[in-house]
PDB file of N, CA and C in Angstrom:
ATOM      1  N   MET A   1     -11.021   7.390 -10.853  1.00  0.00           N
ATOM      2  CA  MET A   1      -9.636   6.924 -11.076  1.00  0.00           C
ATOM      3  C   MET A   1      -9.487   6.508 -12.530  1.00  0.00           C
ATOM      4  N   ARG A   2     -10.524   6.188 -13.214  1.00  0.00           N
ATOM      5  CA  ARG A   2     -10.264   5.703 -14.544  1.00  0.00           C
ATOM      6  C   ARG A   2      -9.424   6.726 -15.614  1.00  0.00           C
ATOM      7  N   GLU A   3      -9.586   7.924 -15.096  1.00  0.00           N
ATOM      8  CA  GLU A   3      -8.781   9.123 -15.800  1.00  0.00           C
ATOM      9  C   GLU A   3      -7.143   8.856 -15.883  1.00  0.00           C
ATOM     10  N   PHE A   4      -6.929   8.061 -14.859  1.00  0.00           N
ATOM     11  CA  PHE A   4      -5.389   7.712 -14.614  1.00  0.00           C
ATOM     12  C   PHE A   4      -5.080   6.201 -15.087  1.00  0.00           C
ATOM     13  N   GLY A   5      -6.009   5.687 -15.844  1.00  0.00           N
ATOM     14  CA  GLY A   5      -5.690   4.380 -16.335  1.00  0.00           C
ATOM     15  C   GLY A   5      -5.619   3.319 -15.022  1.00  0.00           C
ATOM     16  N   THR A   6      -6.030   3.600 -14.006  1.00  0.00           N
ATOM     17  CA  THR A   6      -5.833   2.586 -12.947  1.00  0.00           C
ATOM     18  C   THR A   6      -6.843   1.540 -12.520  1.00  0.00           C
ATOM     19  N   GLY A   7      -8.022   1.779 -13.143  1.00  0.00           N
ATOM     20  CA  GLY A   7      -9.159   1.038 -12.853  1.00  0.00           C
ATOM     21  C   GLY A   7      -9.852   1.517 -11.958  1.00  0.00           C
ATOM     22  N   PRO A   8     -11.052   0.846 -11.463  1.00  0.00           N
ATOM     23  CA  PRO A   8     -11.934   1.391 -10.393  1.00  0.00           C
ATOM     24  C   PRO A   8     -11.469   0.909  -8.950  1.00  0.00           C
ATOM     25  N   HIS A   9     -10.596  -0.048  -8.979  1.00  0.00           N
ATOM     26  CA  HIS A   9     -10.286  -0.477  -7.564  1.00  0.00           C
ATOM     27  C   HIS A   9      -8.884  -0.042  -6.926  1.00  0.00           C
ATOM     28  N   ALA A  10      -8.708   0.479  -5.853  1.00  0.00           N
ATOM     29  CA  ALA A  10      -7.433   0.898  -5.131  1.00  0.00           C
ATOM     30  C   ALA A  10      -7.992   1.120  -3.645  1.00  0.00           C
ATOM     31  N   VAL A  11      -6.824   1.442  -2.898  1.00  0.00           N
ATOM     32  CA  VAL A  11      -6.987   1.850  -1.548  1.00  0.00           C
ATOM     33  C   VAL A  11      -6.427   3.269  -1.249  1.00  0.00           C
ATOM     34  N   ARG A  12      -7.305   4.172  -0.827  1.00  0.00           N
ATOM     35  CA  ARG A  12      -6.786   5.503  -0.341  1.00  0.00           C
ATOM     36  C   ARG A  12      -6.225   5.340   0.922  1.00  0.00           C
ATOM     37  N   ILE A  13      -5.140   6.116   1.199  1.00  0.00           N
ATOM     38  CA  ILE A  13      -4.432   6.020   2.413  1.00  0.00           C
ATOM     39  C   ILE A  13      -5.095   7.133   3.426  1.00  0.00           C
ATOM     40  N   GLY A  14      -5.624   6.782   4.463  1.00  0.00           N
ATOM     41  CA  GLY A  14      -6.462   7.834   5.392  1.00  0.00           C
ATOM     42  C   GLY A  14      -5.457   8.265   6.306  1.00  0.00           C
ATOM     43  N   GLY A  15      -4.435   7.496   6.784  1.00  0.00           N
ATOM     44  CA  GLY A  15      -3.803   7.703   7.831  1.00  0.00           C
ATOM     45  C   GLY A  15      -2.347   7.048   7.784  1.00  0.00           C
ATOM     46  N   LEU A  16      -1.109   7.345   8.521  1.00  0.00           N
ATOM     47  CA  LEU A  16      -0.330   6.379   8.870  1.00  0.00           C
ATOM     48  C   LEU A  16       0.345   6.318  10.157  1.00  0.00           C
ATOM     49  N   GLU A  17       0.899   5.234  10.545  1.00  0.00           N
ATOM     50  CA  GLU A  17       1.678   5.280  12.008  1.00  0.00           C
ATOM     51  C   GLU A  17       2.997   6.007  11.650  1.00  0.00           C
ATOM     52  N   GLY A  18       3.212   6.846  12.683  1.00  0.00           N
ATOM     53  CA  GLY A  18       4.413   7.815  12.554  1.00  0.00           C
ATOM     54  C   GLY A  18       5.766   7.224  11.907  1.00  0.00           C
ATOM     55  N   ASP A  19       6.194   6.140  12.377  1.00  0.00           N
ATOM     56  CA  ASP A  19       7.337   5.669  11.720  1.00  0.00           C
ATOM     57  C   ASP A  19       7.139   4.327  11.100  1.00  0.00           C
ATOM     58  N   GLY A  20       5.719   3.834  10.720  1.00  0.00           N
ATOM     59  CA  GLY A  20       5.580   2.572  10.440  1.00  0.00           C
ATOM     60  C   GLY A  20       6.093   2.276   9.014  1.00  0.00           C
ATOM     61  N   PRO A  21       6.064   0.994   8.516  1.00  0.00           N
ATOM     62  CA  PRO A  21       6.444   0.657   7.100  1.00  0.00           C
ATOM     63  C   PRO A  21       6.009   1.517   5.936  1.00  0.00           C
ATOM     64  N   ALA A  22       4.759   2.148   6.197  1.00  0.00           N
ATOM     65  CA  ALA A  22       4.120   2.844   4.928  1.00  0.00           C
ATOM     66  C   ALA A  22       4.744   4.179   5.085  1.00  0.00           C
ATOM     67  N   ALA A  23       5.172   4.748   6.171  1.00  0.00           N
ATOM     68  CA  ALA A  23       5.880   6.116   6.082  1.00  0.00           C
ATOM     69  C   ALA A  23       7.286   5.880   5.877  1.00  0.00           C
ATOM     70  N   GLN A  24       7.785   4.732   6.283  1.00  0.00           N
ATOM     71  CA  GLN A  24       9.126   4.808   5.898  1.00  0.00           C
ATOM     72  C   GLN A  24       9.305   4.540   4.179  1.00  0.00           C
ATOM     73  N   ALA A  25       8.336   3.928   3.714  1.00  0.00           N
ATOM     74  CA  ALA A  25       8.289   3.587   2.390  1.00  0.00           C
ATOM     75  C   ALA A  25       8.132   5.187   1.540  1.00  0.00           C
ATOM     76  N   GLY A  26       7.704   5.984   2.230  1.00  0.00           N
ATOM     77  CA  GLY A  26       7.454   7.367   1.571  1.00  0.00           C
ATOM     78  C   GLY A  26       5.978   7.451   1.126  1.00  0.00           C
ATOM     79  N   LEU A  27       4.979   6.852   1.604  1.00  0.00           N
ATOM     80  CA  LEU A  27       3.645   6.911   1.371  1.00  0.00           C
ATOM     81  C   LEU A  27       3.278   8.174   2.291  1.00  0.00           C
ATOM     82  N   ARG A  28       2.169   8.777   1.865  1.00  0.00           N
ATOM     83  CA  ARG A  28       1.568   9.889   2.594  1.00  0.00           C
ATOM     84  C   ARG A  28       0.013   9.687   2.617  1.00  0.00           C
ATOM     85  N   GLU A  29      -0.447  10.458   3.752  1.00  0.00           N
ATOM     86  CA  GLU A  29      -1.902  10.420   3.758  1.00  0.00           C
ATOM     87  C   GLU A  29      -2.477  10.971   2.481  1.00  0.00           C
ATOM     88  N   GLY A  30      -3.585  10.335   1.862  1.00  0.00           N
ATOM     89  CA  GLY A  30      -4.287  10.653   0.664  1.00  0.00           C
ATOM     90  C   GLY A  30      -3.537   9.976  -0.646  1.00  0.00           C
ATOM     91  N   ASP A  31      -2.492   9.326  -0.514  1.00  0.00           N
ATOM     92  CA  ASP A  31      -1.800   8.593  -1.435  1.00  0.00           C
ATOM     93  C   ASP A  31      -2.983   7.468  -2.021  1.00  0.00           C
ATOM     94  N   ILE A  32      -2.889   6.982  -3.170  1.00  0.00           N
ATOM     95  CA  ILE A  32      -3.950   5.798  -3.514  1.00  0.00           C
ATOM     96  C   ILE A  32      -3.030   4.601  -3.810  1.00  0.00           C
ATOM     97  N   LEU A  33      -3.117   3.544  -3.176  1.00  0.00           N
ATOM     98  CA  LEU A  33      -2.397   2.539  -3.207  1.00  0.00           C
ATOM     99  C   LEU A  33      -2.776   1.557  -4.540  1.00  0.00           C
ATOM    100  N   LEU A  34      -2.153   1.259  -5.375  1.00  0.00           N
ATOM    101  CA  LEU A  34      -2.556   0.628  -6.702  1.00  0.00           C
ATOM    102  C   LEU A  34      -2.295  -0.838  -6.612  1.00  0.00           C
ATOM    103  N   SER A  35      -0.981  -1.086  -6.260  1.00  0.00           N
ATOM    104  CA  SER A  35      -0.615  -2.550  -6.257  1.00  0.00           C
ATOM    105  C   SER A  35       0.448  -2.876  -5.217  1.00  0.00           C
ATOM    106  N   LEU A  36       0.531  -4.056  -4.922  1.00  0.00           N
ATOM    107  CA  LEU A  36       1.468  -4.604  -3.983  1.00  0.00           C
ATOM    108  C   LEU A  36       2.052  -5.842  -4.555  1.00  0.00           C
ATOM    109  N   GLY A  37       3.480  -5.899  -4.784  1.00  0.00           N
ATOM    110  CA  GLY A  37       4.189  -6.766  -5.588  1.00  0.00           C
ATOM    111  C   GLY A  37       3.521  -7.047  -7.050  1.00  0.00           C
ATOM    112  N   SER A  38       3.332  -7.816  -7.581  1.00  0.00           N
ATOM    113  CA  SER A  38       2.793  -8.115  -8.848  1.00  0.00           C
ATOM    114  C   SER A  38       1.166  -8.275  -8.727  1.00  0.00           C
ATOM    115  N   SER A  39       0.463  -7.949  -7.731  1.00  0.00           N
ATOM    116  CA  SER A  39      -1.017  -8.095  -7.573  1.00  0.00           C
ATOM    117  C   SER A  39      -1.471  -6.455  -7.484  1.00  0.00           C
ATOM    118  N   ASN A  40      -2.419  -6.315  -8.197  1.00  0.00           N
ATOM    119  CA  ASN A  40      -3.334  -5.158  -8.054  1.00  0.00           C
ATOM    120  C   ASN A  40      -4.208  -5.299  -7.048  1.00  0.00           C
ATOM    121  N   ILE A  41      -4.489  -4.099  -6.392  1.00  0.00           N
ATOM    122  CA  ILE A  41      -5.142  -4.038  -5.182  1.00  0.00           C
ATOM    123  C   ILE A  41      -6.687  -3.761  -5.331  1.00  0.00           C
ATOM    124  N   ALA A  42      -7.402  -4.524  -4.954  1.00  0.00           N
ATOM    125  CA  ALA A  42      -9.013  -4.392  -5.253  1.00  0.00           C
ATOM    126  C   ALA A  42      -9.852  -3.689  -4.113  1.00  0.00           C
ATOM    127  N   GLY A  43      -9.143  -3.650  -3.157  1.00  0.00           N
ATOM    128  CA  GLY A  43      -9.832  -3.039  -1.793  1.00  0.00           C
ATOM    129  C   GLY A  43      -8.953  -3.323  -0.558  1.00  0.00           C
ATOM    130  N   ILE A  44      -9.427  -2.971   0.465  1.00  0.00           N
ATOM    131  CA  ILE A  44      -8.805  -2.933   1.713  1.00  0.00           C
ATOM    132  C   ILE A  44      -8.737  -4.456   2.028  1.00  0.00           C
ATOM    133  N   ASP A  45      -9.663  -5.330   1.886  1.00  0.00           N
ATOM    134  CA  ASP A  45      -9.626  -6.673   2.202  1.00  0.00           C
ATOM    135  C   ASP A  45      -8.644  -7.527   1.533  1.00  0.00           C
ATOM    136  N   ASP A  46      -8.328  -6.908   0.279  1.00  0.00           N
ATOM    137  CA  ASP A  46      -7.447  -7.459  -0.671  1.00  0.00           C
ATOM    138  C   ASP A  46      -5.917  -7.077  -0.149  1.00  0.00           C
ATOM    139  N   LEU A  47      -5.929  -5.967   0.171  1.00  0.00           N
ATOM    140  CA  LEU A  47      -4.544  -5.344   0.764  1.00  0.00           C
ATOM    141  C   LEU A  47      -4.296  -6.264   2.053  1.00  0.00           C
ATOM    142  N   PHE A  48      -5.093  -6.560   3.065  1.00  0.00           N
ATOM    143  CA  PHE A  48      -4.727  -7.174   4.125  1.00  0.00           C
ATOM    144  C   PHE A  48      -4.394  -8.639   3.665  1.00  0.00           C
ATOM    145  N   ARG A  49      -5.148  -9.296   2.709  1.00  0.00           N
ATOM    146  CA  ARG A  49      -4.666 -10.577   2.216  1.00  0.00           C
ATOM    147  C   ARG A  49      -3.402 -10.802   1.669  1.00  0.00           C
ATOM    148  N   LEU A  50      -3.033  -9.568   0.799  1.00  0.00           N
ATOM    149  CA  LEU A  50      -1.680  -9.492   0.198  1.00  0.00           C
ATOM    150  C   LEU A  50      -0.680  -9.227   1.051  1.00  0.00           C
ATOM    151  N   LEU A  51      -0.787  -8.798   2.135  1.00  0.00           N
ATOM    152  CA  LEU A  51       0.190  -8.401   3.365  1.00  0.00           C
ATOM    153  C   LEU A  51       0.242  -9.743   4.182  1.00  0.00           C
ATOM    154  N   GLY A  52       0.196 -10.876   3.821  1.00  0.00           N
ATOM    155  CA  GLY A  52       0.186 -12.155   4.684  1.00  0.00           C
ATOM    156  C   GLY A  52       1.571 -12.286   4.961  1.00  0.00           C
ATOM    157  N   SER A  53       1.734 -13.345   5.915  1.00  0.00           N
ATOM    158  CA  SER A  53       2.887 -13.752   6.720  1.00  0.00           C
ATOM    159  C   SER A  53       4.135 -13.913   5.887  1.00  0.00           C
ATOM    160  N   GLU A  54       3.821 -14.175   4.529  1.00  0.00           N
ATOM    161  CA  GLU A  54       4.987 -14.514   3.674  1.00  0.00           C
ATOM    162  C   GLU A  54       5.626 -13.174   3.252  1.00  0.00           C
ATOM    163  N   ARG A  55       4.985 -12.037   3.535  1.00  0.00           N
ATOM    164  CA  ARG A  55       5.684 -10.667   3.314  1.00  0.00           C
ATOM    165  C   ARG A  55       6.349 -10.137   4.502  1.00  0.00           C
ATOM    166  N   ILE A  56       6.053 -10.623   5.689  1.00  0.00           N
ATOM    167  CA  ILE A  56       6.756 -10.033   6.764  1.00  0.00           C
ATOM    168  C   ILE A  56       8.195  -9.920   6.781  1.00  0.00           C
ATOM    169  N   GLY A  57       8.653  -9.016   6.877  1.00  0.00           N
ATOM    170  CA  GLY A  57      10.258  -8.627   6.807  1.00  0.00           C
ATOM    171  C   GLY A  57      10.932  -8.649   5.654  1.00  0.00           C
ATOM    172  N   CYS A  58      10.158  -8.711   4.378  1.00  0.00           N
ATOM    173  CA  CYS A  58      10.718  -8.707   3.061  1.00  0.00           C
ATOM    174  C   CYS A  58      10.334  -7.412   2.311  1.00  0.00           C
ATOM    175  N   GLU A  59      11.113  -6.773   1.611  1.00  0.00           N
ATOM    176  CA  GLU A  59      11.009  -5.706   0.841  1.00  0.00           C
ATOM    177  C   GLU A  59       9.866  -6.082  -0.332  1.00  0.00           C
ATOM    178  N   THR A  60       8.859  -5.323  -0.543  1.00  0.00           N
ATOM    179  CA  THR A  60       7.874  -5.781  -1.450  1.00  0.00           C
ATOM    180  C   THR A  60       7.533  -4.474  -2.271  1.00  0.00           C
ATOM    181  N   PRO A  61       7.792  -4.494  -3.645  1.00  0.00           N
ATOM    182  CA  PRO A  61       7.306  -3.228  -4.438  1.00  0.00           C
ATOM    183  C   PRO A  61       6.138  -2.912  -4.244  1.00  0.00           C
ATOM    184  N   ILE A  62       5.589  -1.646  -4.328  1.00  0.00           N
ATOM    185  CA  ILE A  62       4.301  -1.124  -4.382  1.00  0.00           C
ATOM    186  C   ILE A  62       4.318   0.098  -5.482  1.00  0.00           C
ATOM    187  N   SER A  63       3.000   0.223  -5.973  1.00  0.00           N
ATOM    188  CA  SER A  63       2.783   1.387  -6.773  1.00  0.00           C
ATOM    189  C   SER A  63       1.784   2.226  -6.209  1.00  0.00           C
ATOM    190  N   PHE A  64       1.701   3.657  -6.265  1.00  0.00           N
ATOM    191  CA  PHE A  64       0.777   4.359  -5.703  1.00  0.00           C
ATOM    192  C   PHE A  64       0.590   5.645  -6.801  1.00  0.00           C
ATOM    193  N   LEU A  65      -0.674   5.976  -6.418  1.00  0.00           N
ATOM    194  CA  LEU A  65      -0.891   7.422  -7.189  1.00  0.00           C
ATOM    195  C   LEU A  65      -0.776   8.632  -6.085  1.00  0.00           C
ATOM    196  N   ARG A  66      -0.137   9.604  -6.685  1.00  0.00           N
ATOM    197  CA  ARG A  66       0.110  10.957  -5.896  1.00  0.00           C
ATOM    198  C   ARG A  66      -0.071  12.138  -6.979  1.00  0.00           C
ATOM    199  N   GLU A  67      -0.957  13.083  -6.561  1.00  0.00           N
ATOM    200  CA  GLU A  67      -1.116  14.202  -7.418  1.00  0.00           C
ATOM    201  C   GLU A  67      -1.039  13.837  -9.103  1.00  0.00           C
ATOM    202  N   GLY A  68      -1.698  12.844  -9.310  1.00  0.00           N
ATOM    203  CA  GLY A  68      -1.983  12.543 -10.761  1.00  0.00           C
ATOM    204  C   GLY A  68      -1.086  11.670 -11.371  1.00  0.00           C
ATOM    205  N   LYS A  69       0.168  11.372 -10.646  1.00  0.00           N
ATOM    206  CA  LYS A  69       1.328  10.655 -11.101  1.00  0.00           C
ATOM    207  C   LYS A  69       1.453   9.200 -10.365  1.00  0.00           C
ATOM    208  N   ILE A  70       1.607   8.173 -10.954  1.00  0.00           N
ATOM    209  CA  ILE A  70       1.841   7.068 -10.550  1.00  0.00           C
ATOM    210  C   ILE A  70       3.601   6.688 -10.123  1.00  0.00           C
ATOM    211  N   HIS A  71       3.698   6.547  -8.816  1.00  0.00           N
ATOM    212  CA  HIS A  71       4.996   6.222  -8.265  1.00  0.00           C
ATOM    213  C   HIS A  71       5.233   4.883  -7.821  1.00  0.00           C
ATOM    214  N   GLU A  72       6.442   4.610  -7.620  1.00  0.00           N
ATOM    215  CA  GLU A  72       6.778   3.221  -7.372  1.00  0.00           C
ATOM    216  C   GLU A  72       7.806   3.248  -6.108  1.00  0.00           C
ATOM    217  N   ALA A  73       7.677   2.423  -5.281  1.00  0.00           N
ATOM    218  CA  ALA A  73       8.573   2.411  -4.005  1.00  0.00           C
ATOM    219  C   ALA A  73       8.490   0.936  -3.434  1.00  0.00           C
ATOM    220  N   SER A  74       9.209   0.670  -2.249  1.00  0.00           N
ATOM    221  CA  SER A  74       9.008  -0.728  -1.869  1.00  0.00           C
ATOM    222  C   SER A  74       8.795  -0.408  -0.343  1.00  0.00           C
ATOM    223  N   VAL A  75       8.036  -1.568   0.210  1.00  0.00           N
ATOM    224  CA  VAL A  75       7.552  -1.518   1.704  1.00  0.00           C
ATOM    225  C   VAL A  75       8.091  -2.801   2.306  1.00  0.00           C
ATOM    226  N   CYS A  76       8.364  -2.720   3.526  1.00  0.00           N
ATOM    227  CA  CYS A  76       8.712  -4.045   4.361  1.00  0.00           C
ATOM    228  C   CYS A  76       7.845  -4.066   5.421  1.00  0.00           C
ATOM    229  N   ALA A  77       6.920  -5.040   5.279  1.00  0.00           N
ATOM    230  CA  ALA A  77       5.757  -5.224   6.174  1.00  0.00           C
ATOM    231  C   ALA A  77       6.489  -5.639   7.485  1.00  0.00           C
ATOM    232  N   LEU A  78       5.660  -5.354   8.491  1.00  0.00           N
ATOM    233  CA  LEU A  78       5.981  -5.841   9.888  1.00  0.00           C
ATOM    234  C   LEU A  78       4.938  -6.627  10.491  1.00  0.00           C
ATOM    235  N   GLU A  79       5.067  -7.474  11.310  1.00  0.00           N
ATOM    236  CA  GLU A  79       3.728  -8.216  11.942  1.00  0.00           C
ATOM    237  C   GLU A  79       3.202  -7.117  13.005  1.00  0.00           C
ATOM    238  N   ARG A  80       1.740  -7.479  12.896  1.00  0.00           N
ATOM    239  CA  ARG A  80       0.877  -6.537  13.649  1.00  0.00           C
ATOM    240  C   ARG A  80       0.672  -7.296  14.957  1.00  0.00           C
ATOM    241  N   PHE A  81       0.644  -6.698  16.115  1.00  0.00           N
ATOM    242  CA  PHE A  81       0.241  -7.262  17.152  1.00  0.00           C
ATOM    243  C   PHE A  81      -1.095  -6.343  17.699  1.00  0.00           C
ATOM    244  N   ALA A  82      -2.041  -7.457  18.135  1.00  0.00           N
ATOM    245  CA  ALA A  82      -3.251  -6.875  18.617  1.00  0.00           C
ATOM    246  C   ALA A  82      -2.985  -6.424  20.043  1.00  0.00           C
ATOM    247  N   PRO A  83      -3.564  -5.237  20.333  1.00  0.00           N
ATOM    248  CA  PRO A  83      -3.327  -4.741  21.928  1.00  0.00           C
ATOM    249  C   PRO A  83      -4.003  -5.796  22.651  1.00  0.00           C
ATOM    250  N   GLY A  84      -3.438  -6.072  23.772  1.00  0.00           N
ATOM    251  CA  GLY A  84      -4.069  -7.071  24.929  1.00  0.00           C
ATOM    252  C   GLY A  84      -4.300  -6.686  26.346  1.00  0.00           C
TER     253      GLY A  84
END
């Protein structure tokens, strides 16, 4: 990803929930998530940490890479429930 000036860390989207927050934000499978809010994403653990309870129900800006171009959108995180 250095050729895009994004640095070595990001998260590639491998799949989306049909009508989940990421899909509603316009993200697609294969997009590369670069930042959430004002924080760069250094990996999947970082992404989960950044999606903490303070972001639930709040619109948060994101940037992502698609087809060699950086795009911006916003996502509204929802609380995840573990199957029980």
